[in-house]
Amino acid sequence: MTKLDQSDREHLDARQYAFPKQRKEPLEDADHVRNAVARFNQVKNVTDAERDQAWKRIEAAAKKFAVKLEEGGWRELGKPKS
């Protein structure tokens, strides 16, 4: 995964984050997409509506970078697979 320092993060457009208002979870490449999914539930002080929008951005980035998402939505994160 490309390491983004503070300067790099500041130069990213807000739309390049799963959570643009909070500038959390950049979606720069496949590794960042996988990381955003892994850390999704760690993002604090966001509404379910913001999570819904963030998940849509993650899905779009996953498609762009050919990342297969196992979950059908963010509410499935951390739940055992049946």
PDB file of N, CA and C in Angstrom:
ATOM      1  N   MET A   1       0.846  -1.165   0.000  1.00  0.00           N
ATOM      2  CA  MET A   1       0.000   0.000   0.000  1.00  0.00           C
ATOM      3  C   MET A   1       0.895   1.233   0.000  1.00  0.00           C
ATOM      4  N   THR A   2       0.501   2.186  -0.767  1.00  0.00           N
ATOM      5  CA  THR A   2       1.212   3.451  -0.800  1.00  0.00           C
ATOM      6  C   THR A   2       1.004   4.169   0.524  1.00  0.00           C
ATOM      7  N   LYS A   3       2.087   4.569   1.136  1.00  0.00           N
ATOM      8  CA  LYS A   3       2.011   5.299   2.408  1.00  0.00           C
ATOM      9  C   LYS A   3       1.753   6.769   2.106  1.00  0.00           C
ATOM     10  N   LEU A   4       0.685   7.297   2.673  1.00  0.00           N
ATOM     11  CA  LEU A   4       0.353   8.707   2.488  1.00  0.00           C
ATOM     12  C   LEU A   4       0.763   9.467   3.737  1.00  0.00           C
ATOM     13  N   ASP A   5       1.630  10.450   3.562  1.00  0.00           N
ATOM     14  CA  ASP A   5       1.958  11.290   4.709  1.00  0.00           C
ATOM     15  C   ASP A   5       0.927  12.422   4.791  1.00  0.00           C
ATOM     16  N   GLN A   6       1.042  13.246   5.814  1.00  0.00           N
ATOM     17  CA  GLN A   6       0.052  14.306   6.034  1.00  0.00           C
ATOM     18  C   GLN A   6      -0.055  15.235   4.829  1.00  0.00           C
ATOM     19  N   SER A   7       1.062  15.568   4.224  1.00  0.00           N
ATOM     20  CA  SER A   7       1.049  16.448   3.059  1.00  0.00           C
ATOM     21  C   SER A   7       0.298  15.801   1.898  1.00  0.00           C
ATOM     22  N   ASP A   8       0.538  14.511   1.672  1.00  0.00           N
ATOM     23  CA  ASP A   8      -0.171  13.792   0.608  1.00  0.00           C
ATOM     24  C   ASP A   8      -1.671  13.800   0.872  1.00  0.00           C
ATOM     25  N   ARG A   9      -2.055  13.537   2.121  1.00  0.00           N
ATOM     26  CA  ARG A   9      -3.474  13.486   2.480  1.00  0.00           C
ATOM     27  C   ARG A   9      -4.146  14.839   2.267  1.00  0.00           C
ATOM     28  N   GLU A  10      -3.423  15.915   2.576  1.00  0.00           N
ATOM     29  CA  GLU A  10      -3.987  17.257   2.418  1.00  0.00           C
ATOM     30  C   GLU A  10      -4.238  17.591   0.953  1.00  0.00           C
ATOM     31  N   HIS A  11      -3.458  17.005   0.053  1.00  0.00           N
ATOM     32  CA  HIS A  11      -3.611  17.294  -1.368  1.00  0.00           C
ATOM     33  C   HIS A  11      -4.662  16.427  -2.059  1.00  0.00           C
ATOM     34  N   LEU A  12      -5.158  15.426  -1.369  1.00  0.00           N
ATOM     35  CA  LEU A  12      -6.217  14.604  -1.937  1.00  0.00           C
ATOM     36  C   LEU A  12      -7.535  15.373  -1.930  1.00  0.00           C
ATOM     37  N   ASP A  13      -8.266  15.244  -2.982  1.00  0.00           N
ATOM     38  CA  ASP A  13      -9.613  15.805  -3.040  1.00  0.00           C
ATOM     39  C   ASP A  13     -10.473  15.052  -2.029  1.00  0.00           C
ATOM     40  N   ALA A  14     -11.381  15.725  -1.376  1.00  0.00           N
ATOM     41  CA  ALA A  14     -12.243  15.092  -0.369  1.00  0.00           C
ATOM     42  C   ALA A  14     -13.002  13.906  -0.954  1.00  0.00           C
ATOM     43  N   ARG A  15     -13.304  13.951  -2.243  1.00  0.00           N
ATOM     44  CA  ARG A  15     -14.048  12.856  -2.875  1.00  0.00           C
ATOM     45  C   ARG A  15     -13.227  11.573  -2.959  1.00  0.00           C
ATOM     46  N   GLN A  16     -11.943  11.641  -2.677  1.00  0.00           N
ATOM     47  CA  GLN A  16     -11.082  10.465  -2.734  1.00  0.00           C
ATOM     48  C   GLN A  16     -11.032   9.720  -1.396  1.00  0.00           C
ATOM     49  N   TYR A  17     -11.891  10.090  -0.482  1.00  0.00           N
ATOM     50  CA  TYR A  17     -11.996   9.438   0.816  1.00  0.00           C
ATOM     51  C   TYR A  17     -13.345   8.738   0.922  1.00  0.00           C
ATOM     52  N   ALA A  18     -13.376   7.638   1.666  1.00  0.00           N
ATOM     53  CA  ALA A  18     -14.655   6.990   1.945  1.00  0.00           C
ATOM     54  C   ALA A  18     -15.537   7.928   2.763  1.00  0.00           C
ATOM     55  N   PHE A  19     -14.915   8.619   3.717  1.00  0.00           N
ATOM     56  CA  PHE A  19     -15.619   9.586   4.560  1.00  0.00           C
ATOM     57  C   PHE A  19     -15.032  10.966   4.272  1.00  0.00           C
ATOM     58  N   PRO A  20     -15.529  11.655   3.252  1.00  0.00           N
ATOM     59  CA  PRO A  20     -14.900  12.915   2.828  1.00  0.00           C
ATOM     60  C   PRO A  20     -14.969  14.039   3.852  1.00  0.00           C
ATOM     61  N   LYS A  21     -16.059  14.161   4.579  1.00  0.00           N
ATOM     62  CA  LYS A  21     -16.189  15.246   5.560  1.00  0.00           C
ATOM     63  C   LYS A  21     -15.121  15.120   6.647  1.00  0.00           C
ATOM     64  N   GLN A  22     -14.856  13.890   7.070  1.00  0.00           N
ATOM     65  CA  GLN A  22     -13.873  13.632   8.116  1.00  0.00           C
ATOM     66  C   GLN A  22     -12.478  13.375   7.531  1.00  0.00           C
ATOM     67  N   ARG A  23     -12.414  13.261   6.195  1.00  0.00           N
ATOM     68  CA  ARG A  23     -11.160  12.929   5.496  1.00  0.00           C
ATOM     69  C   ARG A  23     -10.548  11.660   6.078  1.00  0.00           C
ATOM     70  N   LYS A  24     -11.407  10.628   6.158  1.00  0.00           N
ATOM     71  CA  LYS A  24     -11.000   9.325   6.688  1.00  0.00           C
ATOM     72  C   LYS A  24     -11.080   8.275   5.591  1.00  0.00           C
ATOM     73  N   GLU A  25     -10.138   7.371   5.606  1.00  0.00           N
ATOM     74  CA  GLU A  25     -10.079   6.220   4.710  1.00  0.00           C
ATOM     75  C   GLU A  25      -9.935   6.609   3.233  1.00  0.00           C
ATOM     76  N   PRO A  26      -8.709   6.991   2.848  1.00  0.00           N
ATOM     77  CA  PRO A  26      -8.457   7.316   1.441  1.00  0.00           C
ATOM     78  C   PRO A  26      -8.666   6.096   0.557  1.00  0.00           C
ATOM     79  N   LEU A  27      -9.075   6.344  -0.671  1.00  0.00           N
ATOM     80  CA  LEU A  27      -9.362   5.268  -1.629  1.00  0.00           C
ATOM     81  C   LEU A  27      -8.495   5.436  -2.871  1.00  0.00           C
ATOM     82  N   GLU A  28      -7.193   5.477  -2.669  1.00  0.00           N
ATOM     83  CA  GLU A  28      -6.230   5.762  -3.728  1.00  0.00           C
ATOM     84  C   GLU A  28      -5.882   4.574  -4.616  1.00  0.00           C
ATOM     85  N   ASP A  29      -5.955   3.365  -4.068  1.00  0.00           N
ATOM     86  CA  ASP A  29      -5.571   2.176  -4.823  1.00  0.00           C
ATOM     87  C   ASP A  29      -6.223   0.959  -4.164  1.00  0.00           C
ATOM     88  N   ALA A  30      -5.961  -0.228  -4.704  1.00  0.00           N
ATOM     89  CA  ALA A  30      -6.594  -1.447  -4.193  1.00  0.00           C
ATOM     90  C   ALA A  30      -6.269  -1.680  -2.724  1.00  0.00           C
ATOM     91  N   ASP A  31      -5.028  -1.458  -2.325  1.00  0.00           N
ATOM     92  CA  ASP A  31      -4.657  -1.663  -0.923  1.00  0.00           C
ATOM     93  C   ASP A  31      -5.410  -0.721   0.007  1.00  0.00           C
ATOM     94  N   HIS A  32      -5.581   0.526  -0.420  1.00  0.00           N
ATOM     95  CA  HIS A  32      -6.335   1.483   0.403  1.00  0.00           C
ATOM     96  C   HIS A  32      -7.813   1.079   0.496  1.00  0.00           C
ATOM     97  N   VAL A  33      -8.352   0.533  -0.570  1.00  0.00           N
ATOM     98  CA  VAL A  33      -9.748   0.079  -0.535  1.00  0.00           C
ATOM     99  C   VAL A  33      -9.892  -1.047   0.485  1.00  0.00           C
ATOM    100  N   ARG A  34      -8.995  -2.036   0.423  1.00  0.00           N
ATOM    101  CA  ARG A  34      -9.055  -3.137   1.385  1.00  0.00           C
ATOM    102  C   ARG A  34      -8.875  -2.617   2.818  1.00  0.00           C
ATOM    103  N   ASN A  35      -7.999  -1.664   2.998  1.00  0.00           N
ATOM    104  CA  ASN A  35      -7.778  -1.078   4.312  1.00  0.00           C
ATOM    105  C   ASN A  35      -9.022  -0.319   4.791  1.00  0.00           C
ATOM    106  N   ALA A  36      -9.681   0.392   3.901  1.00  0.00           N
ATOM    107  CA  ALA A  36     -10.898   1.128   4.269  1.00  0.00           C
ATOM    108  C   ALA A  36     -11.982   0.171   4.753  1.00  0.00           C
ATOM    109  N   VAL A  37     -12.096  -0.984   4.109  1.00  0.00           N
ATOM    110  CA  VAL A  37     -13.075  -1.978   4.547  1.00  0.00           C
ATOM    111  C   VAL A  37     -12.688  -2.519   5.919  1.00  0.00           C
ATOM    112  N   ALA A  38     -11.412  -2.841   6.087  1.00  0.00           N
ATOM    113  CA  ALA A  38     -10.948  -3.406   7.357  1.00  0.00           C
ATOM    114  C   ALA A  38     -11.136  -2.440   8.520  1.00  0.00           C
ATOM    115  N   ARG A  39     -11.009  -1.154   8.268  1.00  0.00           N
ATOM    116  CA  ARG A  39     -11.089  -0.154   9.337  1.00  0.00           C
ATOM    117  C   ARG A  39     -12.447   0.559   9.403  1.00  0.00           C
ATOM    118  N   PHE A  40     -13.361   0.157   8.569  1.00  0.00           N
ATOM    119  CA  PHE A  40     -14.640   0.850   8.431  1.00  0.00           C
ATOM    120  C   PHE A  40     -15.325   1.065   9.780  1.00  0.00           C
ATOM    121  N   ASN A  41     -15.410   0.027  10.583  1.00  0.00           N
ATOM    122  CA  ASN A  41     -16.121   0.124  11.862  1.00  0.00           C
ATOM    123  C   ASN A  41     -15.352   0.894  12.916  1.00  0.00           C
ATOM    124  N   GLN A  42     -14.108   1.271  12.628  1.00  0.00           N
ATOM    125  CA  GLN A  42     -13.315   2.042  13.584  1.00  0.00           C
ATOM    126  C   GLN A  42     -13.543   3.547  13.446  1.00  0.00           C
ATOM    127  N   VAL A  43     -14.200   3.965  12.385  1.00  0.00           N
ATOM    128  CA  VAL A  43     -14.452   5.392  12.172  1.00  0.00           C
ATOM    129  C   VAL A  43     -15.549   5.829  13.140  1.00  0.00           C
ATOM    130  N   LYS A  44     -15.247   6.828  13.931  1.00  0.00           N
ATOM    131  CA  LYS A  44     -16.154   7.313  14.984  1.00  0.00           C
ATOM    132  C   LYS A  44     -16.862   8.595  14.550  1.00  0.00           C
ATOM    133  N   ASN A  45     -17.961   8.873  15.230  1.00  0.00           N
ATOM    134  CA  ASN A  45     -18.716  10.120  15.064  1.00  0.00           C
ATOM    135  C   ASN A  45     -19.235  10.334  13.646  1.00  0.00           C
ATOM    136  N   VAL A  46     -19.748   9.263  13.047  1.00  0.00           N
ATOM    137  CA  VAL A  46     -20.406   9.374  11.746  1.00  0.00           C
ATOM    138  C   VAL A  46     -21.784   8.731  11.846  1.00  0.00           C
ATOM    139  N   THR A  47     -22.702   9.233  11.061  1.00  0.00           N
ATOM    140  CA  THR A  47     -24.066   8.717  11.075  1.00  0.00           C
ATOM    141  C   THR A  47     -24.174   7.485  10.170  1.00  0.00           C
ATOM    142  N   ASP A  48     -25.270   6.777  10.316  1.00  0.00           N
ATOM    143  CA  ASP A  48     -25.517   5.641   9.422  1.00  0.00           C
ATOM    144  C   ASP A  48     -25.638   6.115   7.977  1.00  0.00           C
ATOM    145  N   ALA A  49     -26.211   7.287   7.778  1.00  0.00           N
ATOM    146  CA  ALA A  49     -26.323   7.831   6.412  1.00  0.00           C
ATOM    147  C   ALA A  49     -24.931   8.086   5.824  1.00  0.00           C
ATOM    148  N   GLU A  50     -24.018   8.610   6.648  1.00  0.00           N
ATOM    149  CA  GLU A  50     -22.645   8.825   6.182  1.00  0.00           C
ATOM    150  C   GLU A  50     -21.959   7.490   5.897  1.00  0.00           C
ATOM    151  N   ARG A  51     -22.238   6.478   6.706  1.00  0.00           N
ATOM    152  CA  ARG A  51     -21.690   5.142   6.458  1.00  0.00           C
ATOM    153  C   ARG A  51     -22.240   4.567   5.159  1.00  0.00           C
ATOM    154  N   ASP A  52     -23.534   4.776   4.906  1.00  0.00           N
ATOM    155  CA  ASP A  52     -24.127   4.305   3.646  1.00  0.00           C
ATOM    156  C   ASP A  52     -23.410   4.938   2.452  1.00  0.00           C
ATOM    157  N   GLN A  53     -23.184   6.233   2.513  1.00  0.00           N
ATOM    158  CA  GLN A  53     -22.505   6.938   1.419  1.00  0.00           C
ATOM    159  C   GLN A  53     -21.051   6.484   1.296  1.00  0.00           C
ATOM    160  N   ALA A  54     -20.384   6.292   2.428  1.00  0.00           N
ATOM    161  CA  ALA A  54     -18.995   5.832   2.410  1.00  0.00           C
ATOM    162  C   ALA A  54     -18.906   4.452   1.767  1.00  0.00           C
ATOM    163  N   TRP A  55     -19.855   3.585   2.100  1.00  0.00           N
ATOM    164  CA  TRP A  55     -19.833   2.240   1.520  1.00  0.00           C
ATOM    165  C   TRP A  55     -20.018   2.303  -0.002  1.00  0.00           C
ATOM    166  N   LYS A  56     -20.863   3.200  -0.472  1.00  0.00           N
ATOM    167  CA  LYS A  56     -21.039   3.362  -1.924  1.00  0.00           C
ATOM    168  C   LYS A  56     -19.726   3.801  -2.575  1.00  0.00           C
ATOM    169  N   ARG A  57     -19.002   4.700  -1.921  1.00  0.00           N
ATOM    170  CA  ARG A  57     -17.711   5.134  -2.460  1.00  0.00           C
ATOM    171  C   ARG A  57     -16.703   3.985  -2.444  1.00  0.00           C
ATOM    172  N   ILE A  58     -16.730   3.173  -1.398  1.00  0.00           N
ATOM    173  CA  ILE A  58     -15.843   2.011  -1.323  1.00  0.00           C
ATOM    174  C   ILE A  58     -16.189   1.019  -2.426  1.00  0.00           C
ATOM    175  N   GLU A  59     -17.474   0.772  -2.650  1.00  0.00           N
ATOM    176  CA  GLU A  59     -17.882  -0.148  -3.714  1.00  0.00           C
ATOM    177  C   GLU A  59     -17.404   0.345  -5.078  1.00  0.00           C
ATOM    178  N   ALA A  60     -17.534   1.632  -5.327  1.00  0.00           N
ATOM    179  CA  ALA A  60     -17.090   2.197  -6.603  1.00  0.00           C
ATOM    180  C   ALA A  60     -15.574   2.055  -6.760  1.00  0.00           C
ATOM    181  N   ALA A  61     -14.840   2.347  -5.690  1.00  0.00           N
ATOM    182  CA  ALA A  61     -13.379   2.219  -5.738  1.00  0.00           C
ATOM    183  C   ALA A  61     -12.974   0.757  -5.884  1.00  0.00           C
ATOM    184  N   ALA A  62     -13.693  -0.140  -5.224  1.00  0.00           N
ATOM    185  CA  ALA A  62     -13.393  -1.572  -5.337  1.00  0.00           C
ATOM    186  C   ALA A  62     -13.569  -2.028  -6.784  1.00  0.00           C
ATOM    187  N   LYS A  63     -14.616  -1.573  -7.415  1.00  0.00           N
ATOM    188  CA  LYS A  63     -14.839  -1.921  -8.818  1.00  0.00           C
ATOM    189  C   LYS A  63     -13.709  -1.359  -9.688  1.00  0.00           C
ATOM    190  N   LYS A  64     -13.348  -0.118  -9.450  1.00  0.00           N
ATOM    191  CA  LYS A  64     -12.296   0.545 -10.231  1.00  0.00           C
ATOM    192  C   LYS A  64     -10.966  -0.190 -10.111  1.00  0.00           C
ATOM    193  N   PHE A  65     -10.639  -0.663  -8.895  1.00  0.00           N
ATOM    194  CA  PHE A  65      -9.344  -1.298  -8.654  1.00  0.00           C
ATOM    195  C   PHE A  65      -9.428  -2.823  -8.604  1.00  0.00           C
ATOM    196  N   ALA A  66     -10.556  -3.390  -9.043  1.00  0.00           N
ATOM    197  CA  ALA A  66     -10.742  -4.848  -9.121  1.00  0.00           C
ATOM    198  C   ALA A  66     -10.548  -5.535  -7.766  1.00  0.00           C
ATOM    199  N   VAL A  67     -11.151  -4.962  -6.736  1.00  0.00           N
ATOM    200  CA  VAL A  67     -11.121  -5.545  -5.396  1.00  0.00           C
ATOM    201  C   VAL A  67     -12.461  -6.224  -5.168  1.00  0.00           C
ATOM    202  N   LYS A  68     -12.423  -7.513  -4.832  1.00  0.00           N
ATOM    203  CA  LYS A  68     -13.656  -8.249  -4.578  1.00  0.00           C
ATOM    204  C   LYS A  68     -14.090  -8.022  -3.131  1.00  0.00           C
ATOM    205  N   LEU A  69     -15.288  -7.514  -2.962  1.00  0.00           N
ATOM    206  CA  LEU A  69     -15.848  -7.317  -1.623  1.00  0.00           C
ATOM    207  C   LEU A  69     -16.691  -8.530  -1.261  1.00  0.00           C
ATOM    208  N   GLU A  70     -16.425  -9.104  -0.111  1.00  0.00           N
ATOM    209  CA  GLU A  70     -17.187 -10.262   0.363  1.00  0.00           C
ATOM    210  C   GLU A  70     -18.538  -9.840   0.933  1.00  0.00           C
ATOM    211  N   GLU A  71     -18.588  -8.649   1.497  1.00  0.00           N
ATOM    212  CA  GLU A  71     -19.793  -8.145   2.153  1.00  0.00           C
ATOM    213  C   GLU A  71     -20.700  -7.447   1.140  1.00  0.00           C
ATOM    214  N   GLY A  72     -21.989  -7.609   1.345  1.00  0.00           N
ATOM    215  CA  GLY A  72     -22.957  -6.927   0.504  1.00  0.00           C
ATOM    216  C   GLY A  72     -23.238  -5.511   0.972  1.00  0.00           C
ATOM    217  N   GLY A  73     -22.765  -5.166   2.154  1.00  0.00           N
ATOM    218  CA  GLY A  73     -22.968  -3.842   2.713  1.00  0.00           C
ATOM    219  C   GLY A  73     -22.196  -3.710   4.009  1.00  0.00           C
ATOM    220  N   TRP A  74     -22.082  -2.504   4.511  1.00  0.00           N
ATOM    221  CA  TRP A  74     -21.267  -2.275   5.703  1.00  0.00           C
ATOM    222  C   TRP A  74     -21.856  -2.914   6.949  1.00  0.00           C
ATOM    223  N   ARG A  75     -23.151  -3.151   6.960  1.00  0.00           N
ATOM    224  CA  ARG A  75     -23.773  -3.766   8.133  1.00  0.00           C
ATOM    225  C   ARG A  75     -23.379  -5.236   8.290  1.00  0.00           C
ATOM    226  N   GLU A  76     -22.796  -5.808   7.255  1.00  0.00           N
ATOM    227  CA  GLU A  76     -22.339  -7.208   7.298  1.00  0.00           C
ATOM    228  C   GLU A  76     -20.907  -7.333   7.813  1.00  0.00           C
ATOM    229  N   LEU A  77     -20.205  -6.234   7.981  1.00  0.00           N
ATOM    230  CA  LEU A  77     -18.817  -6.277   8.428  1.00  0.00           C
ATOM    231  C   LEU A  77     -18.718  -6.885   9.820  1.00  0.00           C
ATOM    232  N   GLY A  78     -17.803  -7.817   9.984  1.00  0.00           N
ATOM    233  CA  GLY A  78     -17.568  -8.425  11.285  1.00  0.00           C
ATOM    234  C   GLY A  78     -18.544  -9.526  11.660  1.00  0.00           C
ATOM    235  N   LYS A  79     -19.509  -9.794  10.798  1.00  0.00           N
ATOM    236  CA  LYS A  79     -20.459 -10.856  11.087  1.00  0.00           C
ATOM    237  C   LYS A  79     -19.919 -12.167  10.517  1.00  0.00           C
ATOM    238  N   PRO A  80     -20.167 -13.274  11.197  1.00  0.00           N
ATOM    239  CA  PRO A  80     -19.691 -14.557  10.691  1.00  0.00           C
ATOM    240  C   PRO A  80     -20.344 -14.902   9.360  1.00  0.00           C
ATOM    241  N   LYS A  81     -19.552 -15.517   8.491  1.00  0.00           N
ATOM    242  CA  LYS A  81     -20.069 -15.953   7.185  1.00  0.00           C
ATOM    243  C   LYS A  81     -20.897 -17.212   7.388  1.00  0.00           C
ATOM    244  N   SER A  82     -22.028 -17.310   6.724  1.00  0.00           N
ATOM    245  CA  SER A  82     -22.876 -18.498   6.850  1.00  0.00           C
ATOM    246  C   SER A  82     -22.501 -19.535   5.819  1.00  0.00           C
TER     247      SER A  82
END
